[in-house]
Amino acid sequence: MAAADDNNVVNNRAGLLAEIEKILRREPGRMYSKEEILNLLADRKSDGEIDRLLAELEVASSLKESRSDVYATCRGGTVYYKWNSN
């Protein structure tokens, strides 16, 4: 039963990541604040799950060797995410 639960967590995470990427790809030149993404996904998942995944995307974006599809930056205390079209 634990293996099935682990698979569900992985599948939910992959689905959530796909939803975030879909939002960012809609307008690749636009930066979305963390709060905007949380609001757009509020009906699908809990804020805690989304927040954790966004934090991981932010860290991955900051690593030089990372070829992340998501660009994250902090401006005035607000984290913004954008599709990295480069």
PDB file of N, CA and C in Angstrom:
ATOM      1  N   MET A   1       0.827  -1.191   0.000  1.00  0.00           N
ATOM      2  CA  MET A   1       0.000   0.000   0.000  1.00  0.00           C
ATOM      3  C   MET A   1       0.872   1.257   0.000  1.00  0.00           C
ATOM      4  N   ALA A   2       2.013   1.229   0.695  1.00  0.00           N
ATOM      5  CA  ALA A   2       2.903   2.397   0.752  1.00  0.00           C
ATOM      6  C   ALA A   2       3.451   2.728  -0.632  1.00  0.00           C
ATOM      7  N   ALA A   3       3.752   1.716  -1.428  1.00  0.00           N
ATOM      8  CA  ALA A   3       4.267   1.953  -2.783  1.00  0.00           C
ATOM      9  C   ALA A   3       3.206   2.654  -3.636  1.00  0.00           C
ATOM     10  N   ALA A   4       1.959   2.274  -3.476  1.00  0.00           N
ATOM     11  CA  ALA A   4       0.872   2.923  -4.218  1.00  0.00           C
ATOM     12  C   ALA A   4       0.743   4.379  -3.799  1.00  0.00           C
ATOM     13  N   ASP A   5       0.888   4.649  -2.493  1.00  0.00           N
ATOM     14  CA  ASP A   5       0.837   6.031  -2.011  1.00  0.00           C
ATOM     15  C   ASP A   5       1.983   6.847  -2.582  1.00  0.00           C
ATOM     16  N   ASP A   6       3.179   6.261  -2.645  1.00  0.00           N
ATOM     17  CA  ASP A   6       4.340   6.945  -3.217  1.00  0.00           C
ATOM     18  C   ASP A   6       4.104   7.269  -4.685  1.00  0.00           C
ATOM     19  N   ASN A   7       3.517   6.333  -5.425  1.00  0.00           N
ATOM     20  CA  ASN A   7       3.215   6.568  -6.839  1.00  0.00           C
ATOM     21  C   ASN A   7       2.202   7.691  -7.011  1.00  0.00           C
ATOM     22  N   ASN A   8       1.202   7.749  -6.130  1.00  0.00           N
ATOM     23  CA  ASN A   8       0.212   8.824  -6.196  1.00  0.00           C
ATOM     24  C   ASN A   8       0.844  10.184  -5.948  1.00  0.00           C
ATOM     25  N   VAL A   9       1.770  10.250  -4.995  1.00  0.00           N
ATOM     26  CA  VAL A   9       2.463  11.506  -4.703  1.00  0.00           C
ATOM     27  C   VAL A   9       3.262  11.954  -5.920  1.00  0.00           C
ATOM     28  N   VAL A  10       3.985  11.022  -6.545  1.00  0.00           N
ATOM     29  CA  VAL A  10       4.782  11.342  -7.734  1.00  0.00           C
ATOM     30  C   VAL A  10       3.871  11.798  -8.863  1.00  0.00           C
ATOM     31  N   ASN A  11       2.778  11.095  -9.093  1.00  0.00           N
ATOM     32  CA  ASN A  11       1.839  11.457 -10.157  1.00  0.00           C
ATOM     33  C   ASN A  11       1.196  12.813  -9.899  1.00  0.00           C
ATOM     34  N   ASN A  12       0.815  13.077  -8.643  1.00  0.00           N
ATOM     35  CA  ASN A  12       0.230  14.371  -8.300  1.00  0.00           C
ATOM     36  C   ASN A  12       1.231  15.492  -8.515  1.00  0.00           C
ATOM     37  N   ARG A  13       2.482  15.242  -8.140  1.00  0.00           N
ATOM     38  CA  ARG A  13       3.546  16.233  -8.299  1.00  0.00           C
ATOM     39  C   ARG A  13       3.799  16.528  -9.777  1.00  0.00           C
ATOM     40  N   ALA A  14       3.850  15.486 -10.576  1.00  0.00           N
ATOM     41  CA  ALA A  14       4.064  15.658 -12.015  1.00  0.00           C
ATOM     42  C   ALA A  14       2.894  16.418 -12.631  1.00  0.00           C
ATOM     43  N   GLY A  15       1.696  16.112 -12.213  1.00  0.00           N
ATOM     44  CA  GLY A  15       0.518  16.806 -12.714  1.00  0.00           C
ATOM     45  C   GLY A  15       0.518  18.276 -12.312  1.00  0.00           C
ATOM     46  N   LEU A  16       0.917  18.547 -11.093  1.00  0.00           N
ATOM     47  CA  LEU A  16       0.976  19.914 -10.608  1.00  0.00           C
ATOM     48  C   LEU A  16       2.052  20.709 -11.350  1.00  0.00           C
ATOM     49  N   LEU A  17       3.198  20.090 -11.567  1.00  0.00           N
ATOM     50  CA  LEU A  17       4.267  20.740 -12.330  1.00  0.00           C
ATOM     51  C   LEU A  17       3.787  21.044 -13.751  1.00  0.00           C
ATOM     52  N   ALA A  18       3.071  20.124 -14.352  1.00  0.00           N
ATOM     53  CA  ALA A  18       2.537  20.334 -15.702  1.00  0.00           C
ATOM     54  C   ALA A  18       1.550  21.506 -15.717  1.00  0.00           C
ATOM     55  N   GLU A  19       0.736  21.624 -14.677  1.00  0.00           N
ATOM     56  CA  GLU A  19      -0.207  22.743 -14.585  1.00  0.00           C
ATOM     57  C   GLU A  19       0.525  24.080 -14.469  1.00  0.00           C
ATOM     58  N   ILE A  20       1.582  24.121 -13.664  1.00  0.00           N
ATOM     59  CA  ILE A  20       2.370  25.350 -13.509  1.00  0.00           C
ATOM     60  C   ILE A  20       3.017  25.722 -14.835  1.00  0.00           C
ATOM     61  N   GLU A  21       3.608  24.734 -15.505  1.00  0.00           N
ATOM     62  CA  GLU A  21       4.247  24.995 -16.798  1.00  0.00           C
ATOM     63  C   GLU A  21       3.222  25.481 -17.828  1.00  0.00           C
ATOM     64  N   LYS A  22       2.032  24.924 -17.798  1.00  0.00           N
ATOM     65  CA  LYS A  22       0.966  25.332 -18.723  1.00  0.00           C
ATOM     66  C   LYS A  22       0.610  26.808 -18.504  1.00  0.00           C
ATOM     67  N   ILE A  23       0.528  27.215 -17.257  1.00  0.00           N
ATOM     68  CA  ILE A  23       0.241  28.616 -16.931  1.00  0.00           C
ATOM     69  C   ILE A  23       1.349  29.517 -17.477  1.00  0.00           C
ATOM     70  N   LEU A  24       2.601  29.144 -17.230  1.00  0.00           N
ATOM     71  CA  LEU A  24       3.730  29.976 -17.647  1.00  0.00           C
ATOM     72  C   LEU A  24       3.889  30.024 -19.163  1.00  0.00           C
ATOM     73  N   ARG A  25       3.527  28.960 -19.837  1.00  0.00           N
ATOM     74  CA  ARG A  25       3.658  28.904 -21.303  1.00  0.00           C
ATOM     75  C   ARG A  25       2.593  29.721 -22.026  1.00  0.00           C
ATOM     76  N   ARG A  26       1.482  29.987 -21.352  1.00  0.00           N
ATOM     77  CA  ARG A  26       0.403  30.768 -21.982  1.00  0.00           C
ATOM     78  C   ARG A  26       0.932  32.079 -22.539  1.00  0.00           C
ATOM     79  N   GLU A  27       1.707  32.771 -21.727  1.00  0.00           N
ATOM     80  CA  GLU A  27       2.325  34.036 -22.119  1.00  0.00           C
ATOM     81  C   GLU A  27       3.786  33.983 -21.693  1.00  0.00           C
ATOM     82  N   PRO A  28       4.647  33.430 -22.536  1.00  0.00           N
ATOM     83  CA  PRO A  28       6.045  33.206 -22.146  1.00  0.00           C
ATOM     84  C   PRO A  28       6.806  34.466 -21.730  1.00  0.00           C
ATOM     85  N   GLY A  29       6.386  35.627 -22.203  1.00  0.00           N
ATOM     86  CA  GLY A  29       7.079  36.854 -21.845  1.00  0.00           C
ATOM     87  C   GLY A  29       6.612  37.466 -20.542  1.00  0.00           C
ATOM     88  N   ARG A  30       5.555  36.937 -19.980  1.00  0.00           N
ATOM     89  CA  ARG A  30       4.961  37.496 -18.764  1.00  0.00           C
ATOM     90  C   ARG A  30       5.533  36.825 -17.522  1.00  0.00           C
ATOM     91  N   MET A  31       5.727  37.631 -16.484  1.00  0.00           N
ATOM     92  CA  MET A  31       6.155  37.092 -15.194  1.00  0.00           C
ATOM     93  C   MET A  31       4.931  36.978 -14.293  1.00  0.00           C
ATOM     94  N   TYR A  32       4.774  35.825 -13.684  1.00  0.00           N
ATOM     95  CA  TYR A  32       3.674  35.570 -12.765  1.00  0.00           C
ATOM     96  C   TYR A  32       4.211  35.561 -11.339  1.00  0.00           C
ATOM     97  N   SER A  33       3.552  36.274 -10.438  1.00  0.00           N
ATOM     98  CA  SER A  33       3.967  36.229  -9.040  1.00  0.00           C
ATOM     99  C   SER A  33       3.541  34.889  -8.439  1.00  0.00           C
ATOM    100  N   LYS A  34       4.187  34.548  -7.363  1.00  0.00           N
ATOM    101  CA  LYS A  34       3.849  33.308  -6.665  1.00  0.00           C
ATOM    102  C   LYS A  34       2.371  33.321  -6.273  1.00  0.00           C
ATOM    103  N   GLU A  35       1.890  34.465  -5.815  1.00  0.00           N
ATOM    104  CA  GLU A  35       0.497  34.588  -5.397  1.00  0.00           C
ATOM    105  C   GLU A  35      -0.464  34.363  -6.561  1.00  0.00           C
ATOM    106  N   GLU A  36      -0.115  34.860  -7.745  1.00  0.00           N
ATOM    107  CA  GLU A  36      -0.964  34.648  -8.927  1.00  0.00           C
ATOM    108  C   GLU A  36      -1.082  33.155  -9.240  1.00  0.00           C
ATOM    109  N   ILE A  37       0.050  32.462  -9.196  1.00  0.00           N
ATOM    110  CA  ILE A  37       0.035  31.023  -9.488  1.00  0.00           C
ATOM    111  C   ILE A  37      -0.773  30.279  -8.436  1.00  0.00           C
ATOM    112  N   LEU A  38      -0.591  30.651  -7.161  1.00  0.00           N
ATOM    113  CA  LEU A  38      -1.369  30.020  -6.093  1.00  0.00           C
ATOM    114  C   LEU A  38      -2.869  30.230  -6.332  1.00  0.00           C
ATOM    115  N   ASN A  39      -3.243  31.439  -6.724  1.00  0.00           N
ATOM    116  CA  ASN A  39      -4.666  31.724  -6.975  1.00  0.00           C
ATOM    117  C   ASN A  39      -5.193  30.949  -8.181  1.00  0.00           C
ATOM    118  N   LEU A  40      -4.402  30.860  -9.237  1.00  0.00           N
ATOM    119  CA  LEU A  40      -4.847  30.148 -10.444  1.00  0.00           C
ATOM    120  C   LEU A  40      -5.017  28.649 -10.202  1.00  0.00           C
ATOM    121  N   LEU A  41      -4.262  28.109  -9.256  1.00  0.00           N
ATOM    122  CA  LEU A  41      -4.337  26.671  -8.977  1.00  0.00           C
ATOM    123  C   LEU A  41      -5.094  26.350  -7.689  1.00  0.00           C
ATOM    124  N   ALA A  42      -5.679  27.338  -7.064  1.00  0.00           N
ATOM    125  CA  ALA A  42      -6.315  27.166  -5.755  1.00  0.00           C
ATOM    126  C   ALA A  42      -7.393  26.085  -5.745  1.00  0.00           C
ATOM    127  N   ASP A  43      -8.125  25.946  -6.839  1.00  0.00           N
ATOM    128  CA  ASP A  43      -9.201  24.957  -6.869  1.00  0.00           C
ATOM    129  C   ASP A  43      -8.694  23.534  -7.100  1.00  0.00           C
ATOM    130  N   ARG A  44      -7.415  23.381  -7.438  1.00  0.00           N
ATOM    131  CA  ARG A  44      -6.879  22.053  -7.756  1.00  0.00           C
ATOM    132  C   ARG A  44      -6.073  21.430  -6.618  1.00  0.00           C
ATOM    133  N   LYS A  45      -5.294  22.251  -5.942  1.00  0.00           N
ATOM    134  CA  LYS A  45      -4.388  21.714  -4.912  1.00  0.00           C
ATOM    135  C   LYS A  45      -4.319  22.664  -3.735  1.00  0.00           C
ATOM    136  N   SER A  46      -3.741  22.164  -2.628  1.00  0.00           N
ATOM    137  CA  SER A  46      -3.543  23.016  -1.462  1.00  0.00           C
ATOM    138  C   SER A  46      -2.360  23.950  -1.700  1.00  0.00           C
ATOM    139  N   ASP A  47      -2.417  25.098  -1.069  1.00  0.00           N
ATOM    140  CA  ASP A  47      -1.342  26.080  -1.201  1.00  0.00           C
ATOM    141  C   ASP A  47       0.003  25.511  -0.777  1.00  0.00           C
ATOM    142  N   GLY A  48       0.014  24.654   0.229  1.00  0.00           N
ATOM    143  CA  GLY A  48       1.268  24.075   0.718  1.00  0.00           C
ATOM    144  C   GLY A  48       1.984  23.260  -0.342  1.00  0.00           C
ATOM    145  N   GLU A  49       1.242  22.443  -1.076  1.00  0.00           N
ATOM    146  CA  GLU A  49       1.836  21.622  -2.138  1.00  0.00           C
ATOM    147  C   GLU A  49       2.401  22.500  -3.256  1.00  0.00           C
ATOM    148  N   ILE A  50       1.619  23.494  -3.657  1.00  0.00           N
ATOM    149  CA  ILE A  50       2.038  24.384  -4.732  1.00  0.00           C
ATOM    150  C   ILE A  50       3.252  25.188  -4.288  1.00  0.00           C
ATOM    151  N   ASP A  51       3.209  25.701  -3.073  1.00  0.00           N
ATOM    152  CA  ASP A  51       4.298  26.507  -2.530  1.00  0.00           C
ATOM    153  C   ASP A  51       5.610  25.723  -2.501  1.00  0.00           C
ATOM    154  N   ARG A  52       5.552  24.477  -2.089  1.00  0.00           N
ATOM    155  CA  ARG A  52       6.769  23.630  -2.045  1.00  0.00           C
ATOM    156  C   ARG A  52       7.349  23.436  -3.443  1.00  0.00           C
ATOM    157  N   LEU A  53       6.491  23.172  -4.397  1.00  0.00           N
ATOM    158  CA  LEU A  53       6.970  22.955  -5.762  1.00  0.00           C
ATOM    159  C   LEU A  53       7.536  24.247  -6.360  1.00  0.00           C
ATOM    160  N   LEU A  54       6.897  25.370  -6.100  1.00  0.00           N
ATOM    161  CA  LEU A  54       7.410  26.652  -6.587  1.00  0.00           C
ATOM    162  C   LEU A  54       8.768  26.964  -5.966  1.00  0.00           C
ATOM    163  N   ALA A  55       8.932  26.648  -4.693  1.00  0.00           N
ATOM    164  CA  ALA A  55      10.227  26.868  -4.032  1.00  0.00           C
ATOM    165  C   ALA A  55      11.313  26.018  -4.686  1.00  0.00           C
ATOM    166  N   GLU A  56      10.985  24.790  -5.032  1.00  0.00           N
ATOM    167  CA  GLU A  56      11.952  23.921  -5.712  1.00  0.00           C
ATOM    168  C   GLU A  56      12.301  24.465  -7.099  1.00  0.00           C
ATOM    169  N   LEU A  57      11.304  24.978  -7.814  1.00  0.00           N
ATOM    170  CA  LEU A  57      11.558  25.574  -9.130  1.00  0.00           C
ATOM    171  C   LEU A  57      12.448  26.811  -9.001  1.00  0.00           C
ATOM    172  N   GLU A  58      12.233  27.583  -7.947  1.00  0.00           N
ATOM    173  CA  GLU A  58      13.041  28.782  -7.714  1.00  0.00           C
ATOM    174  C   GLU A  58      14.506  28.410  -7.478  1.00  0.00           C
ATOM    175  N   VAL A  59      14.738  27.391  -6.662  1.00  0.00           N
ATOM    176  CA  VAL A  59      16.105  26.946  -6.388  1.00  0.00           C
ATOM    177  C   VAL A  59      16.744  26.398  -7.658  1.00  0.00           C
ATOM    178  N   ALA A  60      16.030  25.570  -8.391  1.00  0.00           N
ATOM    179  CA  ALA A  60      16.570  24.994  -9.629  1.00  0.00           C
ATOM    180  C   ALA A  60      16.926  26.097 -10.623  1.00  0.00           C
ATOM    181  N   SER A  61      16.120  27.136 -10.675  1.00  0.00           N
ATOM    182  CA  SER A  61      16.366  28.246 -11.592  1.00  0.00           C
ATOM    183  C   SER A  61      17.636  29.008 -11.237  1.00  0.00           C
ATOM    184  N   SER A  62      17.973  29.027  -9.953  1.00  0.00           N
ATOM    185  CA  SER A  62      19.126  29.812  -9.508  1.00  0.00           C
ATOM    186  C   SER A  62      20.460  29.092  -9.703  1.00  0.00           C
ATOM    187  N   LEU A  63      20.438  27.809  -9.962  1.00  0.00           N
ATOM    188  CA  LEU A  63      21.675  27.050 -10.139  1.00  0.00           C
ATOM    189  C   LEU A  63      22.240  27.287 -11.530  1.00  0.00           C
ATOM    190  N   LYS A  64      23.505  27.650 -11.594  1.00  0.00           N
ATOM    191  CA  LYS A  64      24.134  27.975 -12.880  1.00  0.00           C
ATOM    192  C   LYS A  64      24.091  26.810 -13.856  1.00  0.00           C
ATOM    193  N   GLU A  65      24.320  25.604 -13.359  1.00  0.00           N
ATOM    194  CA  GLU A  65      24.360  24.449 -14.251  1.00  0.00           C
ATOM    195  C   GLU A  65      22.966  23.954 -14.636  1.00  0.00           C
ATOM    196  N   SER A  66      21.964  24.541 -14.026  1.00  0.00           N
ATOM    197  CA  SER A  66      20.594  24.135 -14.320  1.00  0.00           C
ATOM    198  C   SER A  66      20.149  24.652 -15.688  1.00  0.00           C
ATOM    199  N   ARG A  67      19.450  23.829 -16.408  1.00  0.00           N
ATOM    200  CA  ARG A  67      18.848  24.241 -17.672  1.00  0.00           C
ATOM    201  C   ARG A  67      17.331  24.243 -17.486  1.00  0.00           C
ATOM    202  N   SER A  68      16.928  24.874 -16.403  1.00  0.00           N
ATOM    203  CA  SER A  68      15.521  24.906 -16.025  1.00  0.00           C
ATOM    204  C   SER A  68      14.671  25.610 -17.071  1.00  0.00           C
ATOM    205  N   ASP A  69      13.473  25.072 -17.294  1.00  0.00           N
ATOM    206  CA  ASP A  69      12.527  25.694 -18.208  1.00  0.00           C
ATOM    207  C   ASP A  69      11.836  26.891 -17.560  1.00  0.00           C
ATOM    208  N   VAL A  70      12.009  27.016 -16.259  1.00  0.00           N
ATOM    209  CA  VAL A  70      11.359  28.090 -15.514  1.00  0.00           C
ATOM    210  C   VAL A  70      12.419  29.044 -14.973  1.00  0.00           C
ATOM    211  N   TYR A  71      12.198  30.331 -15.200  1.00  0.00           N
ATOM    212  CA  TYR A  71      13.076  31.375 -14.678  1.00  0.00           C
ATOM    213  C   TYR A  71      12.369  31.995 -13.484  1.00  0.00           C
ATOM    214  N   ALA A  72      13.066  32.114 -12.355  1.00  0.00           N
ATOM    215  CA  ALA A  72      12.482  32.722 -11.160  1.00  0.00           C
ATOM    216  C   ALA A  72      13.384  33.852 -10.689  1.00  0.00           C
ATOM    217  N   THR A  73      12.764  34.920 -10.220  1.00  0.00           N
ATOM    218  CA  THR A  73      13.512  36.054  -9.692  1.00  0.00           C
ATOM    219  C   THR A  73      12.709  36.683  -8.560  1.00  0.00           C
ATOM    220  N   CYS A  74      13.412  37.383  -7.697  1.00  0.00           N
ATOM    221  CA  CYS A  74      12.762  38.061  -6.581  1.00  0.00           C
ATOM    222  C   CYS A  74      12.909  39.560  -6.776  1.00  0.00           C
ATOM    223  N   ARG A  75      11.791  40.255  -6.726  1.00  0.00           N
ATOM    224  CA  ARG A  75      11.779  41.713  -6.852  1.00  0.00           C
ATOM    225  C   ARG A  75      10.915  42.302  -5.751  1.00  0.00           C
ATOM    226  N   GLY A  76      11.508  43.147  -4.958  1.00  0.00           N
ATOM    227  CA  GLY A  76      10.752  43.804  -3.889  1.00  0.00           C
ATOM    228  C   GLY A  76      10.111  42.834  -2.920  1.00  0.00           C
ATOM    229  N   GLY A  77      10.752  41.705  -2.679  1.00  0.00           N
ATOM    230  CA  GLY A  77      10.232  40.717  -1.740  1.00  0.00           C
ATOM    231  C   GLY A  77       9.204  39.763  -2.326  1.00  0.00           C
ATOM    232  N   THR A  78       8.898  39.895  -3.606  1.00  0.00           N
ATOM    233  CA  THR A  78       7.944  39.000  -4.267  1.00  0.00           C
ATOM    234  C   THR A  78       8.683  38.149  -5.291  1.00  0.00           C
ATOM    235  N   VAL A  79       8.412  36.861  -5.262  1.00  0.00           N
ATOM    236  CA  VAL A  79       9.039  35.949  -6.227  1.00  0.00           C
ATOM    237  C   VAL A  79       8.156  35.895  -7.470  1.00  0.00           C
ATOM    238  N   TYR A  80       8.813  36.026  -8.631  1.00  0.00           N
ATOM    239  CA  TYR A  80       8.135  35.957  -9.927  1.00  0.00           C
ATOM    240  C   TYR A  80       8.687  34.789 -10.734  1.00  0.00           C
ATOM    241  N   TYR A  81       7.810  34.156 -11.501  1.00  0.00           N
ATOM    242  CA  TYR A  81       8.174  33.015 -12.333  1.00  0.00           C
ATOM    243  C   TYR A  81       7.817  33.324 -13.776  1.00  0.00           C
ATOM    244  N   LYS A  82       8.650  32.814 -14.683  1.00  0.00           N
ATOM    245  CA  LYS A  82       8.449  33.067 -16.104  1.00  0.00           C
ATOM    246  C   LYS A  82       8.948  31.844 -16.863  1.00  0.00           C
ATOM    247  N   TRP A  83       8.327  31.554 -17.998  1.00  0.00           N
ATOM    248  CA  TRP A  83       8.803  30.464 -18.850  1.00  0.00           C
ATOM    249  C   TRP A  83      10.111  30.890 -19.477  1.00  0.00           C
ATOM    250  N   ASN A  84      11.136  30.066 -19.344  1.00  0.00           N
ATOM    251  CA  ASN A  84      12.463  30.375 -19.872  1.00  0.00           C
ATOM    252  C   ASN A  84      12.519  29.929 -21.333  1.00  0.00           C
ATOM    253  N   SER A  85      12.259  30.860 -22.234  1.00  0.00           N
ATOM    254  CA  SER A  85      12.173  30.524 -23.648  1.00  0.00           C
ATOM    255  C   SER A  85      13.537  30.521 -24.342  1.00  0.00           C
ATOM    256  N   ASN A  86      14.603  30.730 -23.599  1.00  0.00           N
ATOM    257  CA  ASN A  86      15.953  30.725 -24.194  1.00  0.00           C
ATOM    258  C   ASN A  86      16.447  29.317 -24.424  1.00  0.00           C
TER     259      ASN A  86
END
